[in-house]
Amino acid sequence: MAEAVFISICIPAYSRVKYLNRLLDSVLRQSYRHFEVVITDDSPGADVHDLAHNHSLWPMIRYFKNEIPLGTPENWNESIRRAKGEWIKLMHDDDWFRDADSLLGFVGVMQKANADFYFSNYENVFPDGRTEQIKASAAFIRRLNRNPEILLAANRIGPPSTLIFRNDPLMAFDRRLRWLVDFDFYMHYLKAHPPAIHIRKSLICIGISDTQVTQTSFGNRNVEIPERFLLWEKMKPESIRNLMVYDSWWRFIRNLKIKRLQEINAAGYNGEIPLFVVSMIRWQRRIPQFFLDLGLSSKALMITHYCIGFIFSHSRN
């Protein structure tokens, strides 16, 4: 009988063979070897196929060509669906393991803790070679494990390449989302499988480029607005009582300069707009943008609005 696979390194690929080769080289160097590599290929050509079949990892690679391109994030889901491992280590093709003991760094913590969701610190690597260390604080981890919905205010987990999680067929990335798809997955996975365990060592390098979905979606009303409200539909209404979540909505409306409810419909969302959003828009419409753009004054205005809304909601009960 074949030995069960412990970790599936799932790589949803699309054309970028230079980056994919860098990732596969980093996988090849791993000191921990109890894994398989699953590549699901959305590419129009054969470059990814040829690289996978000719790479030194090939005996450990299971390659699948998507007959119809699935796009982001459904290709992520397809990679996970193909996995045989007990654990999923999703890796985007432009990210890579930081050193030869990175995978062992995950496994070492997993063997000591009793959880289904782990994530590490990571290092952003820019095209010019600059690096940026990203760390999550202990205070953030405590808040996250009390209420995963604070991720809407501050995603300190990072992109999916930073984590490893137990394979659960009931959990998938929402194919309707691009900009907030990782936030949404983390929230719902952690509600079903608490807690999150933070690995304080930097184990993953994240390649930063202008072509990434996160870069092309930032500030795009037609992406950000409908996704924010689709995510809200799946959140608990009482989550807005959390000041961090409340502040994230205030900043969302401020940064996109939403002054009319019709602008939300024009961006592609036609569902019900919550009353607190209606009130925020009306407030911000009356405030000069200069004061909204100033951090301290905007924060003071947000807290004032929060307190008035809190008092008003309780006065009706």
Protein backbone atom coordinates (compact mmCIF):
# COMPACT_ATOMS: atom_id res chain seq x y z
CA MET A 1 0.00 0.00 0.00
CA ALA A 2 1.31 3.45 -0.95
CA GLU A 3 2.29 5.69 1.94
CA ALA A 4 -0.23 8.45 2.66
CA VAL A 5 0.81 11.94 1.57
CA PHE A 6 1.30 14.32 4.47
CA ILE A 7 1.60 17.69 2.65
CA SER A 8 0.37 18.71 -0.78
CA ILE A 9 2.24 21.73 -2.15
CA CYS A 10 -0.47 23.12 -4.44
CA ILE A 11 0.65 25.45 -7.24
CA PRO A 12 -1.99 27.09 -9.45
CA ALA A 13 0.13 28.11 -12.44
CA TYR A 14 -0.28 30.49 -15.35
CA SER A 15 2.49 30.91 -17.94
CA ARG A 16 5.12 32.53 -15.70
CA VAL A 17 7.69 29.76 -16.06
CA LYS A 18 10.61 31.91 -14.88
CA TYR A 19 8.91 32.43 -11.53
CA LEU A 20 7.56 28.88 -11.41
CA ASN A 21 11.04 27.49 -11.95
CA ARG A 22 12.31 29.57 -9.03
CA LEU A 23 9.51 28.15 -6.83
CA LEU A 24 10.18 24.55 -7.92
CA ASP A 25 13.90 25.01 -7.25
CA SER A 26 13.05 26.17 -3.72
CA VAL A 27 10.82 23.12 -3.24
CA LEU A 28 13.60 20.83 -4.47
CA ARG A 29 15.95 22.24 -1.80
CA GLN A 30 13.59 21.45 1.11
CA SER A 31 15.10 19.28 3.84
CA TYR A 32 11.63 17.95 4.71
CA ARG A 33 10.56 15.53 1.96
CA HIS A 34 7.19 14.06 2.92
CA PHE A 35 5.20 15.95 0.29
CA GLU A 36 3.76 15.90 -3.20
CA VAL A 37 3.63 18.81 -5.66
CA VAL A 38 0.34 19.47 -7.46
CA ILE A 39 0.40 21.86 -10.44
CA THR A 40 -2.84 22.91 -12.10
CA ASP A 41 -2.08 24.77 -15.30
CA ASP A 42 -4.27 27.57 -16.70
CA SER A 43 -1.74 28.49 -19.39
CA PRO A 44 -2.65 28.62 -23.09
CA GLY A 45 0.68 27.11 -24.14
CA ALA A 46 2.88 24.18 -23.14
CA ASP A 47 5.64 26.03 -21.25
CA VAL A 48 4.40 25.05 -17.78
CA HIS A 49 3.85 21.45 -18.94
CA ASP A 50 7.39 21.25 -20.29
CA LEU A 51 8.95 22.79 -17.19
CA ALA A 52 7.06 20.44 -14.85
CA HIS A 53 8.00 17.33 -16.81
CA ASN A 54 11.66 18.30 -17.15
CA HIS A 55 12.30 19.63 -13.65
CA SER A 56 14.32 17.53 -11.21
CA LEU A 57 11.26 17.36 -8.96
CA TRP A 58 9.26 15.54 -11.63
CA PRO A 59 8.79 12.20 -9.82
CA MET A 60 7.10 14.16 -7.03
CA ILE A 61 5.01 16.41 -9.31
CA ARG A 62 1.43 15.66 -10.33
CA TYR A 63 0.63 17.90 -13.29
CA PHE A 64 -2.89 18.75 -14.52
CA LYS A 65 -3.78 20.87 -17.54
CA ASN A 66 -7.10 22.69 -17.15
CA GLU A 67 -9.05 22.07 -20.36
CA ILE A 68 -10.83 25.39 -19.85
CA PRO A 69 -8.89 28.16 -18.04
CA LEU A 70 -10.38 28.57 -14.57
CA GLY A 71 -8.88 31.90 -13.54
CA THR A 72 -8.32 33.26 -10.05
CA PRO A 73 -9.30 31.88 -7.59
CA GLU A 74 -10.92 28.79 -9.11
CA ASN A 75 -7.56 27.48 -10.26
CA TRP A 76 -6.51 27.64 -6.58
CA ASN A 77 -9.52 25.48 -5.72
CA GLU A 78 -8.73 23.05 -8.53
CA SER A 79 -5.21 22.58 -7.22
CA ILE A 80 -6.57 21.84 -3.75
CA ARG A 81 -9.22 19.46 -5.13
CA ARG A 82 -6.45 17.46 -6.83
CA ALA A 83 -4.42 17.21 -3.61
CA LYS A 84 -4.01 13.89 -1.79
CA GLY A 85 -2.31 15.34 1.27
CA GLU A 86 -3.64 15.69 4.77
CA TRP A 87 -2.31 19.25 4.75
CA ILE A 88 -2.46 21.94 2.04
CA LYS A 89 0.48 24.25 1.37
CA LEU A 90 -0.83 26.58 -1.31
CA MET A 91 1.97 28.40 -3.13
CA HIS A 92 1.45 31.05 -5.78
CA ASP A 93 3.82 30.56 -8.68
CA ASP A 94 5.63 33.88 -8.09
CA ASP A 95 6.36 33.09 -4.40
CA TRP A 96 8.96 30.68 -3.00
CA PHE A 97 10.32 29.04 0.15
CA ARG A 98 12.82 31.33 1.86
CA ASP A 99 15.38 28.65 2.72
CA ALA A 100 15.94 24.88 2.73
CA ASP A 101 14.29 24.41 6.14
CA SER A 102 11.16 26.48 5.48
CA LEU A 103 8.80 23.52 5.12
CA LEU A 104 10.42 21.89 8.15
CA GLY A 105 9.74 25.14 10.01
CA PHE A 106 6.02 24.66 9.42
CA VAL A 107 6.07 20.96 10.28
CA GLY A 108 8.07 21.49 13.48
CA VAL A 109 5.40 23.83 14.87
CA MET A 110 2.56 21.61 13.60
CA GLN A 111 3.96 18.67 15.52
CA LYS A 112 3.88 20.62 18.78
CA ALA A 113 0.52 22.40 18.44
CA ASN A 114 -3.01 21.11 18.06
CA ALA A 115 -4.55 23.24 15.33
CA ASP A 116 -5.61 23.15 11.67
CA PHE A 117 -4.37 26.56 10.49
CA TYR A 118 -0.80 27.91 10.66
CA PHE A 119 0.85 30.93 9.08
CA SER A 120 4.35 32.37 9.20
CA ASN A 121 6.02 35.73 8.99
CA TYR A 122 7.17 36.47 5.46
CA GLU A 123 9.36 38.67 3.33
CA ASN A 124 8.12 40.83 0.46
CA VAL A 125 10.64 40.92 -2.39
CA PHE A 126 10.32 43.80 -4.87
CA PRO A 127 11.49 43.78 -8.51
CA ASP A 128 14.45 46.05 -7.67
CA GLY A 129 15.65 43.57 -5.02
CA ARG A 130 14.40 45.49 -1.99
CA THR A 131 12.95 43.35 0.79
CA GLU A 132 10.41 44.05 3.51
CA GLN A 133 9.93 41.86 6.58
CA ILE A 134 6.27 41.40 7.54
CA LYS A 135 5.47 40.24 11.06
CA ALA A 136 2.25 39.73 12.98
CA SER A 137 2.10 40.92 16.58
CA ALA A 138 0.94 38.85 19.54
CA ALA A 139 -1.85 41.38 20.10
CA PHE A 140 -3.10 40.83 16.55
CA ILE A 141 -3.12 37.05 17.02
CA ARG A 142 -5.19 37.40 20.18
CA ARG A 143 -7.71 39.65 18.42
CA LEU A 144 -7.78 37.37 15.37
CA ASN A 145 -8.60 34.31 17.45
CA ARG A 146 -11.36 36.18 19.29
CA ASN A 147 -12.90 37.48 16.07
CA PRO A 148 -11.53 36.47 12.62
CA GLU A 149 -13.60 39.23 11.00
CA ILE A 150 -11.02 41.82 12.11
CA LEU A 151 -9.11 40.68 9.01
CA LEU A 152 -11.32 43.11 7.11
CA ALA A 153 -9.55 45.87 9.05
CA ALA A 154 -6.02 44.45 9.07
CA ASN A 155 -4.80 41.39 7.17
CA ARG A 156 -1.64 40.49 9.04
CA ILE A 157 -1.75 36.90 7.79
CA GLY A 158 -0.68 37.96 4.32
CA PRO A 159 -1.22 36.15 1.01
CA PRO A 160 -2.13 32.43 0.92
CA SER A 161 1.47 31.33 0.36
CA THR A 162 2.22 32.16 4.01
CA LEU A 163 -0.04 29.45 5.43
CA ILE A 164 -0.56 25.72 5.74
CA PHE A 165 -3.94 24.28 6.67
CA ARG A 166 -5.62 20.94 7.13
CA ASN A 167 -7.33 19.68 3.96
CA ASP A 168 -11.09 20.23 4.35
CA PRO A 169 -13.19 19.54 1.22
CA LEU A 170 -15.94 21.81 2.56
CA MET A 171 -13.67 24.86 2.47
CA ALA A 172 -12.98 26.69 -0.80
CA PHE A 173 -12.03 30.12 -2.07
CA ASP A 174 -15.10 32.08 -3.22
CA ARG A 175 -14.92 32.21 -7.03
CA ARG A 176 -16.87 35.52 -7.06
CA LEU A 177 -13.99 37.33 -5.35
CA ARG A 178 -10.55 38.49 -6.48
CA TRP A 179 -9.54 41.39 -4.23
CA LEU A 180 -10.82 40.03 -0.89
CA VAL A 181 -10.74 36.32 -1.69
CA ASP A 182 -7.99 35.49 0.81
CA PHE A 183 -9.62 37.54 3.63
CA ASP A 184 -12.88 35.72 3.03
CA PHE A 185 -11.26 32.27 3.10
CA TYR A 186 -9.29 32.98 6.27
CA MET A 187 -12.37 34.27 8.08
CA HIS A 188 -14.54 31.30 7.23
CA TYR A 189 -11.84 28.69 7.71
CA LEU A 190 -10.98 30.04 11.16
CA LYS A 191 -14.63 30.14 12.19
CA ALA A 192 -14.83 26.42 11.37
CA HIS A 193 -11.29 25.50 12.50
CA PRO A 194 -10.03 27.77 15.29
CA PRO A 195 -7.45 28.82 16.32
CA ALA A 196 -4.79 30.31 14.04
CA ILE A 197 -1.22 29.49 15.07
CA HIS A 198 1.42 32.07 14.20
CA ILE A 199 4.97 31.00 13.30
CA ARG A 200 7.24 33.89 14.18
CA LYS A 201 10.00 32.92 11.76
CA SER A 202 9.99 34.25 8.18
CA LEU A 203 9.56 31.14 6.02
CA ILE A 204 8.19 32.46 2.71
CA CYS A 205 9.28 35.02 0.11
CA ILE A 206 6.45 36.88 -1.63
CA GLY A 207 7.24 38.20 -5.10
CA ILE A 208 5.78 41.69 -5.57
CA SER A 209 4.90 42.92 -9.07
CA ASP A 210 2.49 45.31 -10.79
CA THR A 211 0.71 42.43 -12.53
CA GLN A 212 -0.68 40.88 -9.35
CA VAL A 213 -4.42 40.94 -8.71
CA THR A 214 -3.88 42.86 -5.48
CA GLN A 215 -2.01 45.58 -7.35
CA THR A 216 -4.41 45.87 -10.30
CA SER A 217 -7.50 45.83 -8.05
CA PHE A 218 -6.40 48.46 -5.53
CA GLY A 219 -8.54 51.59 -5.89
CA ASN A 220 -10.65 50.00 -8.63
CA ARG A 221 -14.24 50.77 -7.66
CA ASN A 222 -15.67 48.07 -9.91
CA VAL A 223 -13.68 45.48 -7.97
CA GLU A 224 -13.46 46.85 -4.44
CA ILE A 225 -17.07 48.00 -3.97
CA PRO A 226 -18.98 44.85 -4.98
CA GLU A 227 -16.49 42.57 -3.23
CA ARG A 228 -16.68 44.52 0.03
CA PHE A 229 -20.47 44.19 0.09
CA LEU A 230 -20.45 40.54 -0.97
CA LEU A 231 -18.13 39.87 1.95
CA TRP A 232 -20.43 41.82 4.28
CA GLU A 233 -23.34 39.58 3.28
CA LYS A 234 -21.44 36.64 4.77
CA MET A 235 -20.36 38.41 7.97
CA LYS A 236 -22.23 38.58 11.25
CA PRO A 237 -24.08 41.95 11.51
CA GLU A 238 -22.78 42.42 15.05
CA SER A 239 -19.20 42.46 13.73
CA ILE A 240 -19.68 46.17 12.99
CA ARG A 241 -19.63 46.79 16.75
CA ASN A 242 -15.89 46.09 16.63
CA LEU A 243 -14.19 49.48 16.31
CA MET A 244 -11.48 48.12 14.00
CA VAL A 245 -14.09 46.73 11.60
CA TYR A 246 -16.07 49.97 11.83
CA ASP A 247 -12.95 51.98 11.04
CA SER A 248 -12.23 49.79 8.02
CA TRP A 249 -15.63 50.72 6.56
CA TRP A 250 -15.06 54.40 7.29
CA ARG A 251 -11.70 54.30 5.49
CA PHE A 252 -13.17 52.29 2.61
CA ILE A 253 -15.80 54.97 1.92
CA ARG A 254 -13.29 57.78 2.46
CA ASN A 255 -10.54 56.34 0.24
CA LEU A 256 -12.89 55.63 -2.67
CA LYS A 257 -14.61 59.02 -2.14
CA ILE A 258 -18.10 57.51 -2.22
CA LYS A 259 -20.56 60.40 -1.87
CA ARG A 260 -23.81 58.90 -3.21
CA LEU A 261 -25.51 55.53 -2.77
CA GLN A 262 -25.93 55.38 -6.54
CA GLU A 263 -22.15 55.08 -6.88
CA ILE A 264 -22.34 51.70 -5.15
CA ASN A 265 -24.94 50.48 -7.65
CA ALA A 266 -22.92 51.89 -10.55
CA ALA A 267 -19.91 49.85 -9.43
CA GLY A 268 -21.90 46.63 -9.78
CA TYR A 269 -23.50 45.96 -6.39
CA ASN A 270 -27.31 45.95 -6.29
CA GLY A 271 -27.95 44.28 -2.94
CA GLU A 272 -29.11 45.86 0.29
CA ILE A 273 -26.81 48.57 1.63
CA PRO A 274 -26.54 48.43 5.44
CA LEU A 275 -27.79 51.45 7.39
CA PHE A 276 -24.41 52.20 8.95
CA VAL A 277 -22.94 52.60 5.44
CA VAL A 278 -25.78 54.90 4.41
CA SER A 279 -25.08 57.03 7.49
CA MET A 280 -21.32 57.08 6.89
CA ILE A 281 -21.79 58.25 3.31
CA ARG A 282 -24.14 61.03 4.40
CA TRP A 283 -21.70 62.15 7.10
CA GLN A 284 -18.65 62.13 4.87
CA ARG A 285 -20.51 64.00 2.13
CA ARG A 286 -20.86 66.96 4.51
CA ILE A 287 -17.21 66.95 5.60
CA PRO A 288 -14.52 68.65 3.47
CA GLN A 289 -12.24 66.04 1.93
CA PHE A 290 -9.26 67.85 3.45
CA PHE A 291 -10.36 66.86 6.96
CA LEU A 292 -11.16 63.30 5.88
CA ASP A 293 -7.69 62.92 4.43
CA LEU A 294 -6.01 64.03 7.66
CA GLY A 295 -5.40 60.95 9.76
CA LEU A 296 -6.12 62.42 13.20
CA SER A 297 -9.22 64.38 12.20
CA SER A 298 -10.60 61.44 10.20
CA LYS A 299 -10.07 59.10 13.15
CA ALA A 300 -11.81 61.55 15.51
CA LEU A 301 -14.75 61.90 13.13
CA MET A 302 -15.01 58.12 12.76
CA ILE A 303 -15.07 57.59 16.54
CA THR A 304 -17.69 60.33 16.93
CA HIS A 305 -19.86 58.67 14.28
CA TYR A 306 -19.37 55.28 15.93
CA CYS A 307 -20.38 56.56 19.36
CA ILE A 308 -23.47 58.35 18.04
CA GLY A 309 -24.52 55.23 16.15
CA PHE A 310 -23.91 53.04 19.21
CA ILE A 311 -25.93 55.33 21.50
CA PHE A 312 -28.73 55.65 18.95
CA SER A 313 -28.99 51.88 18.38
CA HIS A 314 -29.16 51.22 22.13
CA SER A 315 -31.69 53.97 22.71
CA ARG A 316 -34.12 52.14 20.42
CA ASN A 317 -33.82 48.84 22.33
